[in-house]
Amino acid sequence: MNLSLYRLTSNSKNTLSFMLVDSDFFGFVPEDAWHEEKIKGETRIPEGIYDVKWTESPRFGHTFEIMNVPGYTGVRFHVLNDFRETEGCVGAAWAVAKVKEKGIDIWRTSQSGLAMEEFNKRLHLAENAGETIRIRITDELLRLPELW
């Protein structure tokens, strides 16, 4: 199974991305911002291709984990509503809205619980079928401060 995460746009606080499962649109992903030097809990993971495995997390129980991310450990897929919940992790949602906080655009998602339930079902089916699961993360498609 191939997962693709495409980063649409970002600012100093957060990034809006979207995810494909195989080649089908799956949902929106709120992420941390990019920082030249990693800031713990505030910097998104680097672009690249990573394996995904079902592993045990002390915080989340069993979840799918993005493996071997340089400079990061425990990068998980879980329910997320905005960048403040990520700490480098990834989670899809089926709706997105832009709000302003202190003059900065913040991307908030909703229906993440439903999206992640479906996401986990699909990944379990692939895993049970013996498929290798990988995610390709691609930096900004739009080099603009706003989508609109």
C-alpha atoms as a PDB file:
ATOM      1  CA  MET A   1       0.000   0.000   0.000  1.00  0.00           C
ATOM      2  CA  ASN A   2       1.269   3.434  -0.879  1.00  0.00           C
ATOM      3  CA  LEU A   3       0.390   6.479   1.181  1.00  0.00           C
ATOM      4  CA  SER A   4       1.216   9.960  -0.092  1.00  0.00           C
ATOM      5  CA  LEU A   5       1.229  13.119   1.991  1.00  0.00           C
ATOM      6  CA  TYR A   6       1.406  16.352  -0.001  1.00  0.00           C
ATOM      7  CA  ARG A   7       2.032  19.580   1.850  1.00  0.00           C
ATOM      8  CA  LEU A   8      -0.080  22.359   0.380  1.00  0.00           C
ATOM      9  CA  THR A   9       0.937  25.459   2.276  1.00  0.00           C
ATOM     10  CA  SER A  10       2.539  26.507   5.541  1.00  0.00           C
ATOM     11  CA  ASN A  11       3.416  29.468   7.706  1.00  0.00           C
ATOM     12  CA  SER A  12       5.481  29.976  10.872  1.00  0.00           C
ATOM     13  CA  LYS A  13       2.984  27.990  12.989  1.00  0.00           C
ATOM     14  CA  ASN A  14       1.466  25.221  10.909  1.00  0.00           C
ATOM     15  CA  THR A  15       1.163  23.317   7.633  1.00  0.00           C
ATOM     16  CA  LEU A  16      -1.895  22.112   5.724  1.00  0.00           C
ATOM     17  CA  SER A  17      -1.386  18.843   3.874  1.00  0.00           C
ATOM     18  CA  PHE A  18      -3.560  16.217   2.241  1.00  0.00           C
ATOM     19  CA  MET A  19      -3.170  12.468   2.075  1.00  0.00           C
ATOM     20  CA  LEU A  20      -3.794   9.857  -0.591  1.00  0.00           C
ATOM     21  CA  VAL A  21      -4.276   6.163   0.152  1.00  0.00           C
ATOM     22  CA  ASP A  22      -2.902   4.402  -2.888  1.00  0.00           C
ATOM     23  CA  SER A  23      -3.987   6.995  -5.462  1.00  0.00           C
ATOM     24  CA  ASP A  24      -7.306   8.001  -3.865  1.00  0.00           C
ATOM     25  CA  PHE A  25      -7.793  11.238  -1.929  1.00  0.00           C
ATOM     26  CA  PHE A  26      -8.268  10.346   1.724  1.00  0.00           C
ATOM     27  CA  GLY A  27      -8.264  13.519   3.809  1.00  0.00           C
ATOM     28  CA  PHE A  28      -6.610  16.637   5.157  1.00  0.00           C
ATOM     29  CA  VAL A  29      -3.665  16.610   7.556  1.00  0.00           C
ATOM     30  CA  PRO A  30      -2.700  19.383   9.999  1.00  0.00           C
ATOM     31  CA  GLU A  31       1.034  19.464  10.684  1.00  0.00           C
ATOM     32  CA  ASP A  32       3.604  21.526  12.502  1.00  0.00           C
ATOM     33  CA  ALA A  33       5.542  24.201  10.622  1.00  0.00           C
ATOM     34  CA  TRP A  34       8.918  23.716   8.971  1.00  0.00           C
ATOM     35  CA  HIS A  35      11.929  24.976  10.917  1.00  0.00           C
ATOM     36  CA  GLU A  36      15.495  24.846   9.620  1.00  0.00           C
ATOM     37  CA  GLU A  37      16.570  23.396  12.956  1.00  0.00           C
ATOM     38  CA  LYS A  38      14.186  21.000  14.682  1.00  0.00           C
ATOM     39  CA  ILE A  39      12.231  22.477  17.584  1.00  0.00           C
ATOM     40  CA  LYS A  40      10.770  19.686  19.723  1.00  0.00           C
ATOM     41  CA  GLY A  41       7.004  19.554  19.329  1.00  0.00           C
ATOM     42  CA  GLU A  42       6.950  22.343  16.716  1.00  0.00           C
ATOM     43  CA  THR A  43       8.683  20.959  13.613  1.00  0.00           C
ATOM     44  CA  ARG A  44       7.104  18.656  11.038  1.00  0.00           C
ATOM     45  CA  ILE A  45       8.950  15.551   9.903  1.00  0.00           C
ATOM     46  CA  PRO A  46      11.155  15.847   6.814  1.00  0.00           C
ATOM     47  CA  GLU A  47       9.994  14.872   3.367  1.00  0.00           C
ATOM     48  CA  GLY A  48      11.004  11.410   2.249  1.00  0.00           C
ATOM     49  CA  ILE A  49       9.785   7.835   1.881  1.00  0.00           C
ATOM     50  CA  TYR A  50       9.209   5.866   5.077  1.00  0.00           C
ATOM     51  CA  ASP A  51       7.961   2.410   6.016  1.00  0.00           C
ATOM     52  CA  VAL A  52       4.832   2.209   8.159  1.00  0.00           C
ATOM     53  CA  LYS A  53       4.390  -0.536  10.782  1.00  0.00           C
ATOM     54  CA  TRP A  54       1.841  -1.483  13.459  1.00  0.00           C
ATOM     55  CA  THR A  55       3.676  -0.992  16.781  1.00  0.00           C
ATOM     56  CA  GLU A  56       3.039  -0.472  20.484  1.00  0.00           C
ATOM     57  CA  SER A  57       3.027   3.077  21.851  1.00  0.00           C
ATOM     58  CA  PRO A  58       3.109   3.799  25.601  1.00  0.00           C
ATOM     59  CA  ARG A  59       0.824   6.791  24.999  1.00  0.00           C
ATOM     60  CA  PHE A  60      -1.586   5.543  22.294  1.00  0.00           C
ATOM     61  CA  GLY A  61      -1.500   1.752  22.606  1.00  0.00           C
ATOM     62  CA  HIS A  62      -1.074  -0.025  19.278  1.00  0.00           C
ATOM     63  CA  THR A  63      -0.962   2.390  16.335  1.00  0.00           C
ATOM     64  CA  PHE A  64       0.644   2.630  12.935  1.00  0.00           C
ATOM     65  CA  GLU A  65       4.068   4.252  13.191  1.00  0.00           C
ATOM     66  CA  ILE A  66       6.187   5.997  10.566  1.00  0.00           C
ATOM     67  CA  MET A  67       9.542   4.278  10.890  1.00  0.00           C
ATOM     68  CA  ASN A  68      13.102   5.613  10.804  1.00  0.00           C
ATOM     69  CA  VAL A  69      12.331   9.323  10.558  1.00  0.00           C
ATOM     70  CA  PRO A  70      15.686  11.132  10.962  1.00  0.00           C
ATOM     71  CA  GLY A  71      15.806  12.961  14.311  1.00  0.00           C
ATOM     72  CA  TYR A  72      12.389  11.677  15.472  1.00  0.00           C
ATOM     73  CA  THR A  73      11.050   8.708  17.411  1.00  0.00           C
ATOM     74  CA  GLY A  74       7.499   7.494  17.844  1.00  0.00           C
ATOM     75  CA  VAL A  75       5.971   9.275  14.830  1.00  0.00           C
ATOM     76  CA  ARG A  76       2.407   7.917  14.919  1.00  0.00           C
ATOM     77  CA  PHE A  77      -0.828   8.124  12.985  1.00  0.00           C
ATOM     78  CA  HIS A  78      -3.577   9.274  15.354  1.00  0.00           C
ATOM     79  CA  VAL A  79      -6.593  11.587  15.631  1.00  0.00           C
ATOM     80  CA  LEU A  80      -5.558  15.251  15.166  1.00  0.00           C
ATOM     81  CA  ASN A  81      -7.546  18.473  15.077  1.00  0.00           C
ATOM     82  CA  ASP A  82      -4.764  21.000  14.574  1.00  0.00           C
ATOM     83  CA  PHE A  83      -0.985  21.375  14.666  1.00  0.00           C
ATOM     84  CA  ARG A  84      -0.872  21.681  18.479  1.00  0.00           C
ATOM     85  CA  GLU A  85      -1.707  17.979  18.781  1.00  0.00           C
ATOM     86  CA  THR A  86       0.911  16.662  16.351  1.00  0.00           C
ATOM     87  CA  GLU A  87       4.393  16.744  17.913  1.00  0.00           C
ATOM     88  CA  GLY A  88       5.503  15.507  14.484  1.00  0.00           C
ATOM     89  CA  CYS A  89       2.745  12.891  14.180  1.00  0.00           C
ATOM     90  CA  VAL A  90       0.248  12.547  11.333  1.00  0.00           C
ATOM     91  CA  GLY A  91      -3.529  12.166  11.375  1.00  0.00           C
ATOM     92  CA  ALA A  92      -6.131  12.570   8.666  1.00  0.00           C
ATOM     93  CA  ALA A  93      -9.489  14.352   8.881  1.00  0.00           C
ATOM     94  CA  TRP A  94     -12.343  14.798   6.450  1.00  0.00           C
ATOM     95  CA  ALA A  95     -13.013  18.517   6.908  1.00  0.00           C
ATOM     96  CA  VAL A  96     -10.778  21.571   7.230  1.00  0.00           C
ATOM     97  CA  ALA A  97     -11.291  25.234   8.109  1.00  0.00           C
ATOM     98  CA  LYS A  98      -8.953  28.193   8.307  1.00  0.00           C
ATOM     99  CA  VAL A  99      -9.153  30.460  11.362  1.00  0.00           C
ATOM    100  CA  LYS A 100      -7.066  33.464  12.368  1.00  0.00           C
ATOM    101  CA  GLU A 101      -5.224  33.485  15.682  1.00  0.00           C
ATOM    102  CA  LYS A 102      -3.194  36.568  16.502  1.00  0.00           C
ATOM    103  CA  GLY A 103      -3.138  37.406  12.794  1.00  0.00           C
ATOM    104  CA  ILE A 104      -1.802  33.983  11.711  1.00  0.00           C
ATOM    105  CA  ASP A 105      -3.764  31.436   9.678  1.00  0.00           C
ATOM    106  CA  ILE A 106      -4.352  28.227  11.613  1.00  0.00           C
ATOM    107  CA  TRP A 107      -5.701  25.123   9.862  1.00  0.00           C
ATOM    108  CA  ARG A 108      -8.209  23.204  11.982  1.00  0.00           C
ATOM    109  CA  THR A 109      -9.609  19.868  10.958  1.00  0.00           C
ATOM    110  CA  SER A 110     -12.676  17.929  12.031  1.00  0.00           C
ATOM    111  CA  GLN A 111     -14.050  14.419  11.634  1.00  0.00           C
ATOM    112  CA  SER A 112     -10.581  13.077  12.393  1.00  0.00           C
ATOM    113  CA  GLY A 113     -11.928  10.258  14.569  1.00  0.00           C
ATOM    114  CA  LEU A 114     -14.034   8.896  11.700  1.00  0.00           C
ATOM    115  CA  ALA A 115     -11.238   9.371   9.194  1.00  0.00           C
ATOM    116  CA  MET A 116      -8.654   7.626  11.357  1.00  0.00           C
ATOM    117  CA  GLU A 117     -11.004   4.705  12.024  1.00  0.00           C
ATOM    118  CA  GLU A 118     -11.360   4.174   8.258  1.00  0.00           C
ATOM    119  CA  PHE A 119      -7.628   4.764   7.724  1.00  0.00           C
ATOM    120  CA  ASN A 120      -6.693   2.096  10.271  1.00  0.00           C
ATOM    121  CA  LYS A 121      -9.131  -0.399   8.700  1.00  0.00           C
ATOM    122  CA  ARG A 122      -7.542   0.087   5.280  1.00  0.00           C
ATOM    123  CA  LEU A 123      -4.001  -0.248   6.614  1.00  0.00           C
ATOM    124  CA  HIS A 124      -4.899  -3.382   8.585  1.00  0.00           C
ATOM    125  CA  LEU A 125      -6.381  -4.951   5.439  1.00  0.00           C
ATOM    126  CA  ALA A 126      -3.163  -4.220   3.548  1.00  0.00           C
ATOM    127  CA  GLU A 127      -0.990  -5.482   6.392  1.00  0.00           C
ATOM    128  CA  ASN A 128      -3.048  -8.679   6.749  1.00  0.00           C
ATOM    129  CA  ALA A 129      -2.685  -9.243   2.988  1.00  0.00           C
ATOM    130  CA  GLY A 130       1.108  -9.105   3.422  1.00  0.00           C
ATOM    131  CA  GLU A 131       1.521  -5.762   1.678  1.00  0.00           C
ATOM    132  CA  THR A 132       4.366  -3.402   2.522  1.00  0.00           C
ATOM    133  CA  ILE A 133       3.004  -0.043   3.662  1.00  0.00           C
ATOM    134  CA  ARG A 134       5.011   3.069   2.807  1.00  0.00           C
ATOM    135  CA  ILE A 135       4.388   6.788   2.966  1.00  0.00           C
ATOM    136  CA  ARG A 136       5.929   9.361   0.643  1.00  0.00           C
ATOM    137  CA  ILE A 137       5.959  12.877   2.090  1.00  0.00           C
ATOM    138  CA  THR A 138       6.360  15.747  -0.371  1.00  0.00           C
ATOM    139  CA  ASP A 139       6.975  19.353   0.643  1.00  0.00           C
ATOM    140  CA  GLU A 140       4.851  22.310  -0.441  1.00  0.00           C
ATOM    141  CA  LEU A 141       3.006  22.067  -3.714  1.00  0.00           C
ATOM    142  CA  LEU A 142       2.061  25.720  -3.376  1.00  0.00           C
ATOM    143  CA  ARG A 143       4.773  28.164  -2.423  1.00  0.00           C
ATOM    144  CA  LEU A 144       2.212  30.782  -1.508  1.00  0.00           C
ATOM    145  CA  PRO A 145       1.310  32.179   1.941  1.00  0.00           C
ATOM    146  CA  GLU A 146      -2.412  31.499   1.343  1.00  0.00           C
ATOM    147  CA  LEU A 147      -4.423  29.011  -0.707  1.00  0.00           C
ATOM    148  CA  TRP A 148      -6.880  31.658  -1.877  1.00  0.00           C
END
